[in-house]
Amino acid sequence: MRRQSQAFCRISLVRKADFTHNSPRFIPRNISRPVIVIRTRRFYIKPMSLQLPLDLESGDRYSRDHFIATTELAATIGVLLHPDQWISPHLILLGPSGSGKTHLGHIFAAHTGGAFLSADDTRQLDLASLQTSPYVVDDAEKASEDALFHLFNHVQKSGKQLVLLTENQPIAWNVKLPDLASRLNAMRILTLPEPDEDLLVAILNKLFAQRAISPSPDFIDYIVRRMDRSVNAAQKIVTELEHYANGRAFNRALAKSWFDHETDLFEGTL
């Protein structure tokens, strides 16, 4: 890589007595007052290497304090955090990717002392020794059907709750167990909307604030109008823009430059 050079100037105040004809800093002897001598040399600056972005998430990123809710989502939280008022102990949270299902599932588990399970966890679950607590299953359409069936019956007997998180209506799960299919179809469904523009603005501002970054309003507006409408997309964009900025101001020009850069990378892979 070619190195860039810059001129470095040293300015010093000297007097006639400091010089002779043999001095490398010779000046004429007829100068009787202090003079300024400028000596220049060239030095090389090694280009700054870019650091890989690290998305340092806090350990409580799924806490209630970190959840940004619209009026509609606030109503959903109100239902979720009062399971004693549910008609049935079984509930489905349905919504697109990035709508906040996983976050809400963690909030419910923390609030009720429940267990949060991934789809993979259900395949390792000891069905003979289930604990007496609520259960939350993420990506429920990919979970073990046998485990879901046992969890459904277990919470019914123990007086606890079961919350299933999914992107698809149960009828589209292609369930093989008829008894499970009938139970799923009878469950109450709370539908989460895709994040709207106001919610994405609030999420982006909060994610940047966590990194001590203060973007301009037109920067946020430019991003929101062009990004995928999901929390996951917002988290990815903030992490990558923090890396891409490399010391530059977070304004509209930076946002446009980053989107143009991402488009060029994408087109280059076609």
Protein backbone atom coordinates (compact mmCIF):
# COMPACT_ATOMS: atom_id res chain seq x y z
CA MET A 1 0.00 0.00 0.00
CA ARG A 2 1.36 3.40 -0.95
CA ARG A 3 2.15 5.56 2.04
CA GLN A 4 1.04 9.15 2.25
CA SER A 5 3.61 11.76 3.22
CA GLN A 6 3.12 15.14 4.82
CA ALA A 7 5.51 18.01 5.41
CA PHE A 8 6.38 18.63 9.01
CA CYS A 9 7.58 22.13 9.91
CA ARG A 10 9.66 23.04 12.92
CA ILE A 11 9.77 26.74 13.68
CA SER A 12 12.43 28.05 16.01
CA LEU A 13 13.68 31.49 17.08
CA VAL A 14 17.44 31.90 16.67
CA ARG A 15 20.04 34.68 16.82
CA LYS A 16 22.93 35.61 14.58
CA ALA A 17 25.42 34.29 17.15
CA ASP A 18 24.08 30.81 16.69
CA PHE A 19 25.42 30.51 13.14
CA THR A 20 28.73 30.31 11.32
CA HIS A 21 29.57 29.79 7.65
CA ASN A 22 30.06 26.11 8.45
CA SER A 23 26.75 25.73 10.20
CA PRO A 24 24.07 23.73 8.39
CA ARG A 25 21.72 26.46 9.51
CA PHE A 26 23.79 29.26 8.00
CA ILE A 27 22.26 32.69 7.50
CA PRO A 28 24.03 35.87 6.34
CA ARG A 29 26.08 37.62 9.06
CA ASN A 30 24.60 41.01 8.26
CA ILE A 31 21.41 40.01 10.08
CA SER A 32 21.59 41.53 13.53
CA ARG A 33 18.16 40.76 15.01
CA PRO A 34 16.47 37.50 15.91
CA VAL A 35 15.06 35.64 12.93
CA ILE A 36 12.73 32.72 12.48
CA VAL A 37 14.18 29.69 10.73
CA ILE A 38 11.82 27.11 9.32
CA ARG A 39 13.24 23.66 8.83
CA THR A 40 11.17 21.08 7.03
CA ARG A 41 11.40 17.36 6.77
CA ARG A 42 9.09 14.68 5.45
CA PHE A 43 7.56 11.89 7.45
CA TYR A 44 5.18 9.08 6.57
CA ILE A 45 1.82 8.26 8.05
CA LYS A 46 0.84 4.63 8.07
CA PRO A 47 -2.84 4.36 7.03
CA MET A 48 -5.08 3.67 10.01
CA SER A 49 -6.29 0.10 10.02
CA LEU A 50 -10.02 -0.31 10.43
CA GLN A 51 -11.14 -2.22 13.47
CA LEU A 52 -13.76 -4.92 13.30
CA PRO A 53 -17.06 -3.85 14.82
CA LEU A 54 -17.96 -5.43 18.14
CA ASP A 55 -21.63 -5.39 19.06
CA LEU A 56 -21.30 -5.26 22.83
CA GLU A 57 -24.76 -6.07 24.07
CA SER A 58 -25.48 -5.69 27.76
CA GLY A 59 -26.43 -8.81 29.66
CA ASP A 60 -29.92 -7.47 30.36
CA ARG A 61 -30.73 -6.44 26.80
CA TYR A 62 -34.02 -8.37 27.05
CA SER A 63 -35.08 -6.56 30.19
CA ARG A 64 -38.31 -4.60 30.37
CA ASP A 65 -36.37 -1.34 30.68
CA HIS A 66 -34.83 -1.94 27.26
CA PHE A 67 -38.16 -2.58 25.56
CA ILE A 68 -39.54 0.37 23.59
CA ALA A 69 -43.29 0.12 23.24
CA THR A 70 -45.87 1.93 21.20
CA THR A 71 -49.40 2.31 22.58
CA GLU A 72 -50.39 -0.94 20.88
CA LEU A 73 -47.41 -2.85 22.29
CA ALA A 74 -48.02 -1.39 25.73
CA ALA A 75 -51.48 -2.97 25.64
CA THR A 76 -49.90 -6.32 24.72
CA ILE A 77 -47.50 -6.06 27.66
CA GLY A 78 -50.45 -5.29 29.91
CA VAL A 79 -52.10 -8.58 28.92
CA LEU A 80 -48.85 -10.54 29.06
CA LEU A 81 -47.91 -9.46 32.57
CA HIS A 82 -51.28 -10.35 34.10
CA PRO A 83 -51.61 -14.10 33.42
CA ASP A 84 -53.94 -14.43 36.41
CA GLN A 85 -56.54 -12.65 34.26
CA TRP A 86 -56.21 -15.01 31.28
CA ILE A 87 -59.23 -17.15 30.47
CA SER A 88 -56.88 -19.94 29.35
CA PRO A 89 -53.29 -20.57 30.53
CA HIS A 90 -52.10 -20.97 26.96
CA LEU A 91 -51.13 -18.03 24.74
CA ILE A 92 -49.50 -17.50 21.34
CA LEU A 93 -47.50 -14.36 20.48
CA LEU A 94 -47.63 -14.04 16.71
CA GLY A 95 -45.60 -11.53 14.71
CA PRO A 96 -43.03 -11.02 11.96
CA SER A 97 -39.31 -11.28 12.54
CA GLY A 98 -38.01 -8.34 14.55
CA SER A 99 -41.39 -7.40 16.00
CA GLY A 100 -40.28 -8.00 19.59
CA LYS A 101 -41.62 -11.52 20.28
CA THR A 102 -38.40 -12.85 21.82
CA HIS A 103 -37.97 -9.73 23.95
CA LEU A 104 -41.54 -9.97 25.23
CA GLY A 105 -41.06 -13.67 25.92
CA HIS A 106 -38.04 -12.90 28.10
CA ILE A 107 -39.98 -10.16 29.89
CA PHE A 108 -42.80 -12.61 30.65
CA ALA A 109 -40.38 -15.30 31.86
CA ALA A 110 -38.56 -12.84 34.14
CA HIS A 111 -41.83 -11.44 35.50
CA THR A 112 -43.35 -14.84 36.30
CA GLY A 113 -40.19 -16.79 37.18
CA GLY A 114 -40.74 -18.94 34.12
CA ALA A 115 -38.39 -20.92 31.90
CA PHE A 116 -37.45 -19.60 28.46
CA LEU A 117 -36.79 -22.34 25.90
CA SER A 118 -35.53 -22.22 22.33
CA ALA A 119 -36.83 -24.72 19.78
CA ASP A 120 -33.63 -26.74 20.21
CA ASP A 121 -34.09 -26.76 24.00
CA THR A 122 -37.41 -28.58 23.63
CA ARG A 123 -35.65 -31.52 21.98
CA GLN A 124 -33.40 -31.90 25.03
CA LEU A 125 -36.15 -31.37 27.60
CA ASP A 126 -36.64 -34.00 30.30
CA LEU A 127 -40.40 -34.41 30.03
CA ALA A 128 -40.53 -36.62 33.11
CA SER A 129 -39.27 -33.89 35.45
CA LEU A 130 -40.80 -30.62 34.30
CA GLN A 131 -40.63 -27.82 36.87
CA THR A 132 -43.71 -26.16 38.25
CA SER A 133 -43.37 -22.83 36.48
CA PRO A 134 -44.57 -21.01 33.37
CA TYR A 135 -42.86 -21.86 30.09
CA VAL A 136 -42.01 -19.77 27.03
CA VAL A 137 -41.02 -21.46 23.77
CA ASP A 138 -39.32 -19.39 21.06
CA ASP A 139 -39.71 -20.37 17.39
CA ALA A 140 -42.45 -22.71 18.55
CA GLU A 141 -43.24 -23.90 15.02
CA LYS A 142 -39.78 -25.55 14.99
CA ALA A 143 -40.06 -27.10 18.46
CA SER A 144 -40.52 -30.75 19.35
CA GLU A 145 -44.22 -31.63 18.95
CA ASP A 146 -43.99 -34.15 21.77
CA ALA A 147 -42.51 -31.51 24.09
CA LEU A 148 -45.16 -28.93 23.20
CA PHE A 149 -47.92 -31.47 23.86
CA HIS A 150 -46.51 -32.33 27.29
CA LEU A 151 -45.94 -28.67 28.19
CA PHE A 152 -49.50 -27.83 27.21
CA ASN A 153 -50.90 -30.49 29.55
CA HIS A 154 -48.32 -29.81 32.29
CA VAL A 155 -49.16 -26.11 32.76
CA GLN A 156 -52.85 -26.95 32.64
CA LYS A 157 -52.42 -29.28 35.62
CA SER A 158 -49.93 -27.12 37.55
CA GLY A 159 -51.90 -23.88 37.22
CA LYS A 160 -49.09 -22.16 35.31
CA GLN A 161 -48.89 -20.72 31.79
CA LEU A 162 -47.46 -21.60 28.38
CA VAL A 163 -46.51 -18.87 25.89
CA LEU A 164 -45.53 -19.84 22.34
CA LEU A 165 -43.64 -17.37 20.10
CA THR A 166 -44.03 -17.76 16.35
CA GLU A 167 -44.07 -15.99 12.99
CA ASN A 168 -46.82 -18.20 11.56
CA GLN A 169 -50.38 -19.14 12.38
CA PRO A 170 -50.54 -22.64 13.99
CA ILE A 171 -52.59 -23.90 11.06
CA ALA A 172 -49.49 -23.42 8.87
CA TRP A 173 -47.17 -25.43 11.14
CA ASN A 174 -47.96 -28.77 9.49
CA VAL A 175 -48.36 -30.45 12.90
CA LYS A 176 -48.28 -34.27 12.82
CA LEU A 177 -49.85 -34.94 16.24
CA PRO A 178 -53.64 -34.49 15.95
CA ASP A 179 -54.08 -33.85 19.70
CA LEU A 180 -51.46 -31.10 19.61
CA ALA A 181 -52.98 -29.54 16.48
CA SER A 182 -56.39 -29.26 18.15
CA ARG A 183 -54.86 -27.66 21.24
CA LEU A 184 -52.87 -25.15 19.22
CA ASN A 185 -55.92 -24.12 17.22
CA ALA A 186 -57.79 -23.41 20.47
CA MET A 187 -55.07 -21.12 21.90
CA ARG A 188 -55.56 -17.38 22.24
CA ILE A 189 -53.39 -15.38 19.81
CA LEU A 190 -51.91 -11.93 20.42
CA THR A 191 -50.65 -10.44 17.16
CA LEU A 192 -47.66 -8.11 17.15
CA PRO A 193 -47.47 -5.57 14.31
CA GLU A 194 -44.43 -4.84 12.20
CA PRO A 195 -42.51 -1.91 13.78
CA ASP A 196 -43.76 1.40 12.40
CA GLU A 197 -41.63 4.44 11.57
CA ASP A 198 -42.06 6.14 14.94
CA LEU A 199 -40.99 2.99 16.79
CA LEU A 200 -37.92 2.52 14.58
CA VAL A 201 -36.88 6.15 15.21
CA ALA A 202 -37.13 5.56 18.96
CA ILE A 203 -35.21 2.27 18.72
CA LEU A 204 -32.40 3.78 16.63
CA ASN A 205 -32.04 6.77 18.95
CA LYS A 206 -31.84 4.48 21.97
CA LEU A 207 -29.27 2.15 20.34
CA PHE A 208 -27.07 5.10 19.37
CA ALA A 209 -27.43 6.65 22.83
CA GLN A 210 -26.18 3.40 24.38
CA ARG A 211 -23.00 3.96 22.36
CA ALA A 212 -22.74 7.63 23.38
CA ILE A 213 -23.49 8.72 19.78
CA SER A 214 -25.71 11.73 19.04
CA PRO A 215 -26.85 11.53 15.40
CA SER A 216 -28.58 14.41 13.65
CA PRO A 217 -32.37 14.12 13.05
CA ASP A 218 -31.91 14.02 9.27
CA PHE A 219 -29.47 11.12 9.74
CA ILE A 220 -32.13 9.06 11.56
CA ASP A 221 -34.82 10.07 9.07
CA TYR A 222 -32.65 9.00 6.12
CA ILE A 223 -32.03 5.57 7.67
CA VAL A 224 -35.60 4.86 8.73
CA ARG A 225 -36.96 5.51 5.23
CA ARG A 226 -34.61 2.92 3.72
CA MET A 227 -34.11 0.16 6.31
CA ASP A 228 -35.95 -3.11 6.82
CA ARG A 229 -38.66 -2.65 9.43
CA SER A 230 -37.34 -4.81 12.22
CA VAL A 231 -35.47 -4.46 15.50
CA ASN A 232 -32.81 -6.86 14.23
CA ALA A 233 -32.17 -4.63 11.21
CA ALA A 234 -31.86 -1.57 13.48
CA GLN A 235 -29.30 -3.33 15.70
CA LYS A 236 -27.26 -4.42 12.67
CA ILE A 237 -27.31 -0.96 11.10
CA VAL A 238 -26.19 0.78 14.29
CA THR A 239 -23.29 -1.63 14.78
CA GLU A 240 -22.10 -1.33 11.17
CA LEU A 241 -22.51 2.45 11.00
CA GLU A 242 -20.51 2.91 14.19
CA HIS A 243 -17.67 1.02 12.48
CA TYR A 244 -18.12 2.72 9.11
CA ALA A 245 -18.13 6.27 10.52
CA ASN A 246 -14.50 5.96 11.69
CA GLY A 247 -14.64 9.31 13.50
CA ARG A 248 -16.97 11.15 11.10
CA ALA A 249 -20.10 13.01 12.20
CA PHE A 250 -23.35 11.05 12.18
CA ASN A 251 -25.24 13.19 9.69
CA ARG A 252 -27.22 12.65 6.49
CA ALA A 253 -24.08 12.63 4.34
CA LEU A 254 -22.67 9.72 6.34
CA ALA A 255 -25.95 7.79 6.13
CA LYS A 256 -26.12 8.26 2.34
CA SER A 257 -22.49 7.24 1.95
CA TRP A 258 -23.05 4.07 3.99
CA PHE A 259 -26.16 3.03 2.04
CA ASP A 260 -24.35 3.67 -1.26
CA HIS A 261 -21.43 1.60 0.04
CA GLU A 262 -23.70 -1.28 1.06
CA THR A 263 -25.43 -1.18 -2.35
CA ASP A 264 -22.09 -1.35 -4.15
CA LEU A 265 -21.04 -4.35 -2.06
CA PHE A 266 -24.32 -6.13 -2.79
CA GLU A 267 -24.17 -5.46 -6.54
CA GLY A 268 -20.59 -6.65 -6.60
CA THR A 269 -21.69 -10.11 -5.45
CA LEU A 270 -24.25 -10.59 -8.21
